[in-house]
């Protein structure tokens, strides 16, 4: 397991965590609220800075339920 260096950029930022034992990734929480109309897009911050170690990559993937039901990615 690798160790990530994470810095909170905002006091209300939530640190990433696995929801269940055996999860392949960590859950991220938004630190901002946006209401989107049909076809609108927004960049939503997490309030975090993460140092990705050399030789690794970080990806943000949509939650399948939200993506399918609401087209959120």
PDB file of N, CA and C in Angstrom:
ATOM      1  N   UNK A   1       0.853  -1.171   0.000  1.00  0.00           N
ATOM      2  CA  UNK A   1       0.000   0.000   0.000  1.00  0.00           C
ATOM      3  C   UNK A   1       0.904   1.242   0.000  1.00  0.00           C
ATOM      4  N   UNK A   2       0.558   2.240  -0.799  1.00  0.00           N
ATOM      5  CA  UNK A   2       1.327   3.478  -0.824  1.00  0.00           C
ATOM      6  C   UNK A   2       0.734   4.471   0.172  1.00  0.00           C
ATOM      7  N   UNK A   3       1.553   5.396   0.615  1.00  0.00           N
ATOM      8  CA  UNK A   3       1.104   6.428   1.530  1.00  0.00           C
ATOM      9  C   UNK A   3       0.972   7.735   0.753  1.00  0.00           C
ATOM     10  N   UNK A   4      -0.172   8.382   0.864  1.00  0.00           N
ATOM     11  CA  UNK A   4      -0.413   9.644   0.172  1.00  0.00           C
ATOM     12  C   UNK A   4      -0.245  10.817   1.119  1.00  0.00           C
ATOM     13  N   UNK A   5       0.396  11.854   0.629  1.00  0.00           N
ATOM     14  CA  UNK A   5       0.473  13.106   1.388  1.00  0.00           C
ATOM     15  C   UNK A   5      -0.708  13.970   0.952  1.00  0.00           C
ATOM     16  N   UNK A   6      -1.560  14.293   1.902  1.00  0.00           N
ATOM     17  CA  UNK A   6      -2.776  15.061   1.608  1.00  0.00           C
ATOM     18  C   UNK A   6      -2.797  16.293   2.507  1.00  0.00           C
ATOM     19  N   UNK A   7      -3.078  17.441   1.900  1.00  0.00           N
ATOM     20  CA  UNK A   7      -3.185  18.691   2.649  1.00  0.00           C
ATOM     21  C   UNK A   7      -4.584  19.258   2.468  1.00  0.00           C
ATOM     22  N   UNK A   8      -5.199  19.638   3.576  1.00  0.00           N
ATOM     23  CA  UNK A   8      -6.496  20.322   3.497  1.00  0.00           C
ATOM     24  C   UNK A   8      -6.242  21.776   3.109  1.00  0.00           C
ATOM     25  N   UNK A   9      -6.864  22.208   2.023  1.00  0.00           N
ATOM     26  CA  UNK A   9      -6.784  23.594   1.591  1.00  0.00           C
ATOM     27  C   UNK A   9      -7.906  24.422   2.208  1.00  0.00           C
ATOM     28  N   UNK A  10      -8.907  23.720   2.698  1.00  0.00           N
ATOM     29  CA  UNK A  10     -10.045  24.346   3.375  1.00  0.00           C
ATOM     30  C   UNK A  10     -10.330  23.567   4.647  1.00  0.00           C
ATOM     31  N   UNK A  11     -10.762  24.275   5.686  1.00  0.00           N
ATOM     32  CA  UNK A  11     -11.057  23.635   6.972  1.00  0.00           C
ATOM     33  C   UNK A  11     -12.144  22.574   6.875  1.00  0.00           C
ATOM     34  N   UNK A  12     -13.115  22.806   5.991  1.00  0.00           N
ATOM     35  CA  UNK A  12     -14.247  21.883   5.879  1.00  0.00           C
ATOM     36  C   UNK A  12     -14.004  20.733   4.903  1.00  0.00           C
ATOM     37  N   UNK A  13     -12.802  20.603   4.375  1.00  0.00           N
ATOM     38  CA  UNK A  13     -12.492  19.516   3.440  1.00  0.00           C
ATOM     39  C   UNK A  13     -12.503  18.176   4.179  1.00  0.00           C
ATOM     40  N   UNK A  14     -13.034  17.169   3.506  1.00  0.00           N
ATOM     41  CA  UNK A  14     -13.129  15.818   4.066  1.00  0.00           C
ATOM     42  C   UNK A  14     -11.995  14.975   3.491  1.00  0.00           C
ATOM     43  N   UNK A  15     -11.220  14.331   4.359  1.00  0.00           N
ATOM     44  CA  UNK A  15     -10.129  13.478   3.887  1.00  0.00           C
ATOM     45  C   UNK A  15     -10.683  12.251   3.167  1.00  0.00           C
ATOM     46  N   UNK A  16     -10.049  11.824   2.069  1.00  0.00           N
ATOM     47  CA  UNK A  16     -10.506  10.642   1.330  1.00  0.00           C
ATOM     48  C   UNK A  16     -10.395   9.393   2.195  1.00  0.00           C
ATOM     49  N   UNK A  17     -11.323   8.476   2.002  1.00  0.00           N
ATOM     50  CA  UNK A  17     -11.323   7.225   2.764  1.00  0.00           C
ATOM     51  C   UNK A  17     -12.014   6.135   1.958  1.00  0.00           C
ATOM     52  N   UNK A  18     -11.687   4.892   2.262  1.00  0.00           N
ATOM     53  CA  UNK A  18     -12.376   3.754   1.651  1.00  0.00           C
ATOM     54  C   UNK A  18     -13.712   3.564   2.374  1.00  0.00           C
ATOM     55  N   UNK A  19     -14.762   3.323   1.621  1.00  0.00           N
ATOM     56  CA  UNK A  19     -16.073   3.099   2.230  1.00  0.00           C
ATOM     57  C   UNK A  19     -16.160   1.694   2.824  1.00  0.00           C
ATOM     58  N   UNK A  20     -15.518   0.729   2.155  1.00  0.00           N
ATOM     59  CA  UNK A  20     -15.591  -0.673   2.590  1.00  0.00           C
ATOM     60  C   UNK A  20     -14.216  -1.320   2.480  1.00  0.00           C
ATOM     61  N   UNK A  21     -13.938  -2.281   3.331  1.00  0.00           N
ATOM     62  CA  UNK A  21     -12.700  -3.041   3.245  1.00  0.00           C
ATOM     63  C   UNK A  21     -12.623  -3.688   1.863  1.00  0.00           C
ATOM     64  N   UNK A  22     -11.477  -3.605   1.234  1.00  0.00           N
ATOM     65  CA  UNK A  22     -11.313  -4.210  -0.083  1.00  0.00           C
ATOM     66  C   UNK A  22     -11.625  -3.283  -1.238  1.00  0.00           C
ATOM     67  N   UNK A  23     -12.125  -2.063  -0.970  1.00  0.00           N
ATOM     68  CA  UNK A  23     -12.372  -1.103  -2.051  1.00  0.00           C
ATOM     69  C   UNK A  23     -11.064  -0.795  -2.773  1.00  0.00           C
ATOM     70  N   UNK A  24     -11.135  -0.637  -4.073  1.00  0.00           N
ATOM     71  CA  UNK A  24      -9.943  -0.355  -4.876  1.00  0.00           C
ATOM     72  C   UNK A  24      -9.499   1.092  -4.757  1.00  0.00           C
ATOM     73  N   UNK A  25     -10.396   1.981  -4.401  1.00  0.00           N
ATOM     74  CA  UNK A  25     -10.056   3.401  -4.354  1.00  0.00           C
ATOM     75  C   UNK A  25     -10.620   4.079  -3.123  1.00  0.00           C
ATOM     76  N   UNK A  26     -10.395   5.366  -3.067  1.00  0.00           N
ATOM     77  CA  UNK A  26     -10.864   6.185  -1.952  1.00  0.00           C
ATOM     78  C   UNK A  26     -12.026   7.060  -2.407  1.00  0.00           C
ATOM     79  N   UNK A  27     -12.960   7.316  -1.521  1.00  0.00           N
ATOM     80  CA  UNK A  27     -14.081   8.200  -1.834  1.00  0.00           C
ATOM     81  C   UNK A  27     -13.676   9.648  -1.576  1.00  0.00           C
ATOM     82  N   UNK A  28     -14.008  10.523  -2.524  1.00  0.00           N
ATOM     83  CA  UNK A  28     -13.774  11.962  -2.378  1.00  0.00           C
ATOM     84  C   UNK A  28     -15.104  12.652  -2.122  1.00  0.00           C
ATOM     85  N   UNK A  29     -15.060  13.716  -1.347  1.00  0.00           N
ATOM     86  CA  UNK A  29     -16.266  14.495  -1.084  1.00  0.00           C
ATOM     87  C   UNK A  29     -16.081  15.899  -1.653  1.00  0.00           C
ATOM     88  N   UNK A  30     -17.136  16.435  -2.220  1.00  0.00           N
ATOM     89  CA  UNK A  30     -17.105  17.807  -2.723  1.00  0.00           C
ATOM     90  C   UNK A  30     -17.042  18.767  -1.548  1.00  0.00           C
ATOM     91  N   UNK A  31     -16.388  19.895  -1.776  1.00  0.00           N
ATOM     92  CA  UNK A  31     -16.265  20.918  -0.739  1.00  0.00           C
ATOM     93  C   UNK A  31     -17.062  22.156  -1.147  1.00  0.00           C
ATOM     94  N   UNK A  32     -17.797  22.028  -2.226  1.00  0.00           N
ATOM     95  CA  UNK A  32     -18.603  23.122  -2.761  1.00  0.00           C
ATOM     96  C   UNK A  32     -19.951  22.551  -3.177  1.00  0.00           C
ATOM     97  N   UNK A  33     -20.944  23.397  -3.218  1.00  0.00           N
ATOM     98  CA  UNK A  33     -22.276  22.970  -3.659  1.00  0.00           C
ATOM     99  C   UNK A  33     -22.594  23.677  -4.967  1.00  0.00           C
ATOM    100  N   UNK A  34     -23.035  22.910  -5.938  1.00  0.00           N
ATOM    101  CA  UNK A  34     -23.447  23.470  -7.226  1.00  0.00           C
ATOM    102  C   UNK A  34     -24.792  22.873  -7.607  1.00  0.00           C
ATOM    103  N   UNK A  35     -25.668  23.693  -8.129  1.00  0.00           N
ATOM    104  CA  UNK A  35     -26.929  23.193  -8.683  1.00  0.00           C
ATOM    105  C   UNK A  35     -26.834  23.368 -10.189  1.00  0.00           C
ATOM    106  N   UNK A  36     -26.958  22.264 -10.899  1.00  0.00           N
ATOM    107  CA  UNK A  36     -26.797  22.279 -12.349  1.00  0.00           C
ATOM    108  C   UNK A  36     -28.134  22.149 -13.048  1.00  0.00           C
ATOM    109  N   UNK A  37     -28.302  22.934 -14.068  1.00  0.00           N
ATOM    110  CA  UNK A  37     -29.461  22.787 -14.938  1.00  0.00           C
ATOM    111  C   UNK A  37     -29.131  21.796 -16.043  1.00  0.00           C
ATOM    112  N   UNK A  38     -30.104  21.420 -16.841  1.00  0.00           N
ATOM    113  CA  UNK A  38     -29.874  20.471 -17.931  1.00  0.00           C
ATOM    114  C   UNK A  38     -28.736  20.930 -18.847  1.00  0.00           C
ATOM    115  N   UNK A  39     -27.787  20.045 -19.085  1.00  0.00           N
ATOM    116  CA  UNK A  39     -26.672  20.323 -19.979  1.00  0.00           C
ATOM    117  C   UNK A  39     -25.572  21.198 -19.404  1.00  0.00           C
ATOM    118  N   UNK A  40     -25.728  21.681 -18.179  1.00  0.00           N
ATOM    119  CA  UNK A  40     -24.704  22.535 -17.568  1.00  0.00           C
ATOM    120  C   UNK A  40     -23.568  21.689 -16.996  1.00  0.00           C
ATOM    121  N   UNK A  41     -22.403  22.334 -16.863  1.00  0.00           N
ATOM    122  CA  UNK A  41     -21.236  21.683 -16.286  1.00  0.00           C
ATOM    123  C   UNK A  41     -20.654  22.586 -15.213  1.00  0.00           C
ATOM    124  N   UNK A  42     -19.947  21.979 -14.269  1.00  0.00           N
ATOM    125  CA  UNK A  42     -19.264  22.755 -13.233  1.00  0.00           C
ATOM    126  C   UNK A  42     -18.045  21.986 -12.762  1.00  0.00           C
ATOM    127  N   UNK A  43     -17.014  22.709 -12.401  1.00  0.00           N
ATOM    128  CA  UNK A  43     -15.836  22.128 -11.785  1.00  0.00           C
ATOM    129  C   UNK A  43     -16.039  22.258 -10.282  1.00  0.00           C
ATOM    130  N   UNK A  44     -16.032  21.139  -9.576  1.00  0.00           N
ATOM    131  CA  UNK A  44     -16.338  21.134  -8.151  1.00  0.00           C
ATOM    132  C   UNK A  44     -15.084  20.732  -7.373  1.00  0.00           C
ATOM    133  N   UNK A  45     -14.626  21.593  -6.495  1.00  0.00           N
ATOM    134  CA  UNK A  45     -13.420  21.334  -5.729  1.00  0.00           C
ATOM    135  C   UNK A  45     -13.642  20.423  -4.534  1.00  0.00           C
ATOM    136  N   UNK A  46     -12.553  19.777  -4.118  1.00  0.00           N
ATOM    137  CA  UNK A  46     -12.575  18.921  -2.932  1.00  0.00           C
ATOM    138  C   UNK A  46     -11.965  19.619  -1.723  1.00  0.00           C
ATOM    139  N   UNK A  47     -11.254  20.731  -1.960  1.00  0.00           N
ATOM    140  CA  UNK A  47     -10.589  21.417  -0.868  1.00  0.00           C
ATOM    141  C   UNK A  47      -9.326  20.711  -0.412  1.00  0.00           C
ATOM    142  N   UNK A  48      -8.799  19.811  -1.266  1.00  0.00           N
ATOM    143  CA  UNK A  48      -7.622  19.016  -0.925  1.00  0.00           C
ATOM    144  C   UNK A  48      -6.521  19.192  -1.957  1.00  0.00           C
ATOM    145  N   UNK A  49      -5.281  19.011  -1.521  1.00  0.00           N
ATOM    146  CA  UNK A  49      -4.133  18.895  -2.417  1.00  0.00           C
ATOM    147  C   UNK A  49      -3.509  17.537  -2.108  1.00  0.00           C
ATOM    148  N   UNK A  50      -3.258  16.748  -3.153  1.00  0.00           N
ATOM    149  CA  UNK A  50      -2.715  15.399  -2.972  1.00  0.00           C
ATOM    150  C   UNK A  50      -1.409  15.278  -3.747  1.00  0.00           C
ATOM    151  N   UNK A  51      -0.374  14.802  -3.085  1.00  0.00           N
ATOM    152  CA  UNK A  51       0.915  14.554  -3.732  1.00  0.00           C
ATOM    153  C   UNK A  51       0.894  13.116  -4.253  1.00  0.00           C
ATOM    154  N   UNK A  52       0.776  12.958  -5.576  1.00  0.00           N
ATOM    155  CA  UNK A  52       0.751  11.623  -6.182  1.00  0.00           C
ATOM    156  C   UNK A  52       2.207  11.170  -6.364  1.00  0.00           C
ATOM    157  N   UNK A  53       2.583  10.031  -5.784  1.00  0.00           N
ATOM    158  CA  UNK A  53       3.965   9.566  -5.900  1.00  0.00           C
ATOM    159  C   UNK A  53       4.353   9.281  -7.353  1.00  0.00           C
ATOM    160  N   UNK A  54       5.625   9.480  -7.662  1.00  0.00           N
ATOM    161  CA  UNK A  54       6.141   9.190  -8.999  1.00  0.00           C
ATOM    162  C   UNK A  54       5.823   7.740  -9.366  1.00  0.00           C
ATOM    163  N   UNK A  55       5.412   7.534 -10.608  1.00  0.00           N
ATOM    164  CA  UNK A  55       5.065   6.192 -11.067  1.00  0.00           C
ATOM    165  C   UNK A  55       3.629   5.796 -10.786  1.00  0.00           C
ATOM    166  N   UNK A  56       2.852   6.703 -10.200  1.00  0.00           N
ATOM    167  CA  UNK A  56       1.441   6.448  -9.902  1.00  0.00           C
ATOM    168  C   UNK A  56       0.595   7.535 -10.558  1.00  0.00           C
ATOM    169  N   UNK A  57      -0.708   7.316 -10.606  1.00  0.00           N
ATOM    170  CA  UNK A  57      -1.631   8.296 -11.173  1.00  0.00           C
ATOM    171  C   UNK A  57      -2.877   8.352 -10.299  1.00  0.00           C
ATOM    172  N   UNK A  58      -3.511   9.508 -10.298  1.00  0.00           N
ATOM    173  CA  UNK A  58      -4.779   9.662  -9.589  1.00  0.00           C
ATOM    174  C   UNK A  58      -5.899   9.890 -10.589  1.00  0.00           C
ATOM    175  N   UNK A  59      -6.994   9.191 -10.413  1.00  0.00           N
ATOM    176  CA  UNK A  59      -8.148   9.320 -11.307  1.00  0.00           C
ATOM    177  C   UNK A  59      -9.396   9.566 -10.487  1.00  0.00           C
ATOM    178  N   UNK A  60     -10.281  10.387 -11.003  1.00  0.00           N
ATOM    179  CA  UNK A  60     -11.585  10.590 -10.383  1.00  0.00           C
ATOM    180  C   UNK A  60     -12.602   9.917 -11.285  1.00  0.00           C
ATOM    181  N   UNK A  61     -13.278   8.926 -10.740  1.00  0.00           N
ATOM    182  CA  UNK A  61     -14.278   8.173 -11.506  1.00  0.00           C
ATOM    183  C   UNK A  61     -15.660   8.435 -10.914  1.00  0.00           C
ATOM    184  N   UNK A  62     -16.681   8.479 -11.752  1.00  0.00           N
ATOM    185  CA  UNK A  62     -18.038   8.731 -11.242  1.00  0.00           C
ATOM    186  C   UNK A  62     -18.563   7.536 -10.459  1.00  0.00           C
ATOM    187  N   UNK A  63     -19.420   7.840  -9.512  1.00  0.00           N
ATOM    188  CA  UNK A  63     -20.135   6.754  -8.828  1.00  0.00           C
ATOM    189  C   UNK A  63     -21.173   6.245  -9.797  1.00  0.00           C
ATOM    190  N   UNK A  64     -21.223   4.960  -9.979  1.00  0.00           N
ATOM    191  CA  UNK A  64     -22.070   4.382 -11.022  1.00  0.00           C
ATOM    192  C   UNK A  64     -23.540   4.764 -10.892  1.00  0.00           C
ATOM    193  N   UNK A  65     -24.088   4.762  -9.684  1.00  0.00           N
ATOM    194  CA  UNK A  65     -25.505   5.094  -9.519  1.00  0.00           C
ATOM    195  C   UNK A  65     -25.819   6.516  -9.937  1.00  0.00           C
ATOM    196  N   UNK A  66     -25.009   7.478  -9.490  1.00  0.00           N
ATOM    197  CA  UNK A  66     -25.240   8.870  -9.866  1.00  0.00           C
ATOM    198  C   UNK A  66     -25.015   9.094 -11.349  1.00  0.00           C
ATOM    199  N   UNK A  67     -23.987   8.473 -11.901  1.00  0.00           N
ATOM    200  CA  UNK A  67     -23.673   8.657 -13.307  1.00  0.00           C
ATOM    201  C   UNK A  67     -24.812   8.147 -14.191  1.00  0.00           C
ATOM    202  N   UNK A  68     -25.332   6.992 -13.886  1.00  0.00           N
ATOM    203  CA  UNK A  68     -26.402   6.411 -14.684  1.00  0.00           C
ATOM    204  C   UNK A  68     -27.709   7.184 -14.537  1.00  0.00           C
ATOM    205  N   UNK A  69     -28.054   7.504 -13.295  1.00  0.00           N
ATOM    206  CA  UNK A  69     -29.345   8.148 -13.046  1.00  0.00           C
ATOM    207  C   UNK A  69     -29.375   9.636 -13.415  1.00  0.00           C
ATOM    208  N   UNK A  70     -28.247  10.327 -13.246  1.00  0.00           N
ATOM    209  CA  UNK A  70     -28.259  11.774 -13.417  1.00  0.00           C
ATOM    210  C   UNK A  70     -27.238  12.307 -14.411  1.00  0.00           C
ATOM    211  N   UNK A  71     -26.461  11.436 -15.019  1.00  0.00           N
ATOM    212  CA  UNK A  71     -25.452  11.875 -15.984  1.00  0.00           C
ATOM    213  C   UNK A  71     -24.331  12.669 -15.343  1.00  0.00           C
ATOM    214  N   UNK A  72     -24.011  12.360 -14.111  1.00  0.00           N
ATOM    215  CA  UNK A  72     -22.941  13.073 -13.391  1.00  0.00           C
ATOM    216  C   UNK A  72     -21.649  12.285 -13.529  1.00  0.00           C
ATOM    217  N   UNK A  73     -20.592  12.970 -13.879  1.00  0.00           N
ATOM    218  CA  UNK A  73     -19.301  12.299 -14.010  1.00  0.00           C
ATOM    219  C   UNK A  73     -18.188  13.187 -13.471  1.00  0.00           C
TER     220      UNK A  73
END
